[in-house]
N, C-alpha and C. Protein backbone atom coordinates (compact mmCIF):
# COMPACT_ATOMS: atom_id res chain seq x y z
N MET A 1 0.83 -1.20 0.00
CA MET A 1 0.00 0.00 0.00
C MET A 1 0.88 1.26 0.00
N ARG A 2 1.89 1.28 0.85
CA ARG A 2 2.77 2.45 0.94
C ARG A 2 3.59 2.62 -0.33
N ILE A 3 4.03 1.52 -0.91
CA ILE A 3 4.82 1.58 -2.15
C ILE A 3 3.97 2.24 -3.25
N HIS A 4 2.70 1.84 -3.31
CA HIS A 4 1.79 2.40 -4.31
C HIS A 4 1.64 3.91 -4.13
N GLU A 5 1.51 4.35 -2.87
CA GLU A 5 1.38 5.78 -2.57
C GLU A 5 2.63 6.53 -3.00
N ARG A 6 3.79 5.94 -2.74
CA ARG A 6 5.05 6.57 -3.14
C ARG A 6 5.11 6.75 -4.65
N LYS A 7 4.68 5.72 -5.37
CA LYS A 7 4.68 5.79 -6.85
C LYS A 7 3.81 6.96 -7.31
N ASN A 8 2.64 7.09 -6.73
CA ASN A 8 1.75 8.20 -7.09
C ASN A 8 2.41 9.54 -6.83
N LEU A 9 3.07 9.67 -5.67
CA LEU A 9 3.76 10.91 -5.31
C LEU A 9 4.85 11.23 -6.32
N SER A 10 5.68 10.25 -6.64
CA SER A 10 6.78 10.47 -7.59
C SER A 10 6.23 10.83 -8.97
N ASN A 11 5.13 10.19 -9.37
CA ASN A 11 4.52 10.51 -10.66
C ASN A 11 4.04 11.96 -10.68
N LYS A 12 3.42 12.38 -9.58
CA LYS A 12 2.95 13.77 -9.48
C LYS A 12 4.12 14.74 -9.57
N LEU A 13 5.20 14.44 -8.84
CA LEU A 13 6.38 15.30 -8.86
C LEU A 13 7.00 15.36 -10.25
N ASN A 14 7.11 14.20 -10.90
CA ASN A 14 7.66 14.16 -12.26
C ASN A 14 6.82 14.98 -13.22
N GLY A 15 5.51 14.88 -13.10
CA GLY A 15 4.61 15.65 -13.95
C GLY A 15 4.83 17.14 -13.76
N GLN A 16 5.01 17.57 -12.51
CA GLN A 16 5.24 18.99 -12.23
C GLN A 16 6.55 19.46 -12.84
N THR A 17 7.62 18.65 -12.68
CA THR A 17 8.92 19.06 -13.21
C THR A 17 8.88 19.14 -14.73
N ILE A 18 8.18 18.20 -15.37
CA ILE A 18 8.08 18.22 -16.83
C ILE A 18 7.35 19.49 -17.27
N GLU A 19 6.27 19.84 -16.57
CA GLU A 19 5.53 21.07 -16.88
C GLU A 19 6.42 22.29 -16.72
N GLN A 20 7.19 22.33 -15.62
CA GLN A 20 8.09 23.46 -15.37
C GLN A 20 9.14 23.55 -16.47
N LYS A 21 9.69 22.39 -16.89
CA LYS A 21 10.72 22.38 -17.93
C LYS A 21 10.16 22.91 -19.24
N THR A 22 8.97 22.46 -19.62
CA THR A 22 8.37 22.94 -20.87
C THR A 22 8.08 24.43 -20.78
N HIS A 23 7.60 24.88 -19.62
CA HIS A 23 7.31 26.30 -19.41
C HIS A 23 8.58 27.12 -19.56
N LYS A 24 9.67 26.64 -18.95
CA LYS A 24 10.96 27.34 -19.05
C LYS A 24 11.43 27.38 -20.49
N ALA A 25 11.27 26.26 -21.21
CA ALA A 25 11.70 26.20 -22.61
C ALA A 25 10.92 27.20 -23.45
N ILE A 26 9.61 27.29 -23.21
CA ILE A 26 8.76 28.21 -23.97
C ILE A 26 9.17 29.66 -23.69
N THR A 27 9.40 29.98 -22.41
CA THR A 27 9.79 31.36 -22.07
C THR A 27 11.14 31.69 -22.68
N ARG A 28 12.06 30.71 -22.68
CA ARG A 28 13.38 30.92 -23.29
C ARG A 28 13.23 31.20 -24.77
N LEU A 29 12.40 30.41 -25.45
CA LEU A 29 12.18 30.60 -26.88
C LEU A 29 11.62 32.00 -27.15
N LEU A 30 10.65 32.42 -26.32
CA LEU A 30 10.07 33.75 -26.48
C LEU A 30 11.12 34.84 -26.30
N ILE A 31 11.94 34.69 -25.26
CA ILE A 31 12.99 35.69 -24.98
C ILE A 31 13.97 35.75 -26.15
N PHE A 32 14.41 34.56 -26.63
CA PHE A 32 15.34 34.53 -27.75
C PHE A 32 14.71 35.15 -28.99
N GLY A 33 13.44 34.87 -29.22
CA GLY A 33 12.73 35.43 -30.36
C GLY A 33 12.67 36.94 -30.31
N ILE A 34 12.38 37.48 -29.14
CA ILE A 34 12.31 38.94 -28.96
C ILE A 34 13.68 39.56 -29.20
N ILE A 35 14.73 38.94 -28.61
CA ILE A 35 16.10 39.46 -28.79
C ILE A 35 16.46 39.44 -30.27
N PHE A 36 16.12 38.33 -30.95
CA PHE A 36 16.42 38.20 -32.38
C PHE A 36 15.72 39.29 -33.19
N LEU A 37 14.45 39.53 -32.88
CA LEU A 37 13.69 40.59 -33.57
C LEU A 37 14.33 41.95 -33.35
N VAL A 38 14.72 42.23 -32.11
CA VAL A 38 15.36 43.52 -31.79
C VAL A 38 16.64 43.68 -32.59
N ILE A 39 17.46 42.61 -32.63
CA ILE A 39 18.72 42.66 -33.39
C ILE A 39 18.43 42.90 -34.87
N GLU A 40 17.41 42.22 -35.41
CA GLU A 40 17.03 42.38 -36.81
C GLU A 40 16.64 43.83 -37.10
N VAL A 41 15.83 44.42 -36.22
CA VAL A 41 15.38 45.80 -36.40
C VAL A 41 16.57 46.75 -36.37
N ILE A 42 17.47 46.56 -35.40
CA ILE A 42 18.67 47.41 -35.29
C ILE A 42 19.52 47.26 -36.55
N ALA A 43 19.68 46.02 -37.02
CA ALA A 43 20.47 45.78 -38.23
C ALA A 43 19.85 46.48 -39.43
N MET A 44 18.53 46.44 -39.55
CA MET A 44 17.84 47.11 -40.66
C MET A 44 18.05 48.62 -40.59
N ILE A 45 17.94 49.19 -39.40
CA ILE A 45 18.13 50.64 -39.23
C ILE A 45 19.55 51.02 -39.62
N ILE A 46 20.53 50.26 -39.15
CA ILE A 46 21.94 50.54 -39.48
C ILE A 46 22.13 50.44 -40.99
N TYR A 47 21.54 49.40 -41.59
CA TYR A 47 21.66 49.19 -43.04
C TYR A 47 21.07 50.38 -43.81
N LEU A 48 19.90 50.84 -43.37
CA LEU A 48 19.23 51.97 -44.04
C LEU A 48 20.03 53.26 -43.85
N VAL A 49 20.53 53.49 -42.65
CA VAL A 49 21.29 54.71 -42.36
C VAL A 49 22.62 54.69 -43.12
N ALA A 50 23.31 53.57 -43.08
CA ALA A 50 24.62 53.46 -43.75
C ALA A 50 24.46 53.40 -45.26
N GLY A 51 23.40 52.73 -45.72
CA GLY A 51 23.18 52.55 -47.15
C GLY A 51 22.69 53.83 -47.77
């Protein structure tokens, strides 16, 4: 009975960590995307000004 309860607990914990990992990955992708867009905009402005 106790072993079964432990399994349920570990499954719940694993589910939470997987959710946190995916959430972190999504936020990282968003941050990288925003940084990339900012760099692109700056590059375009420099290109237009220099060109």
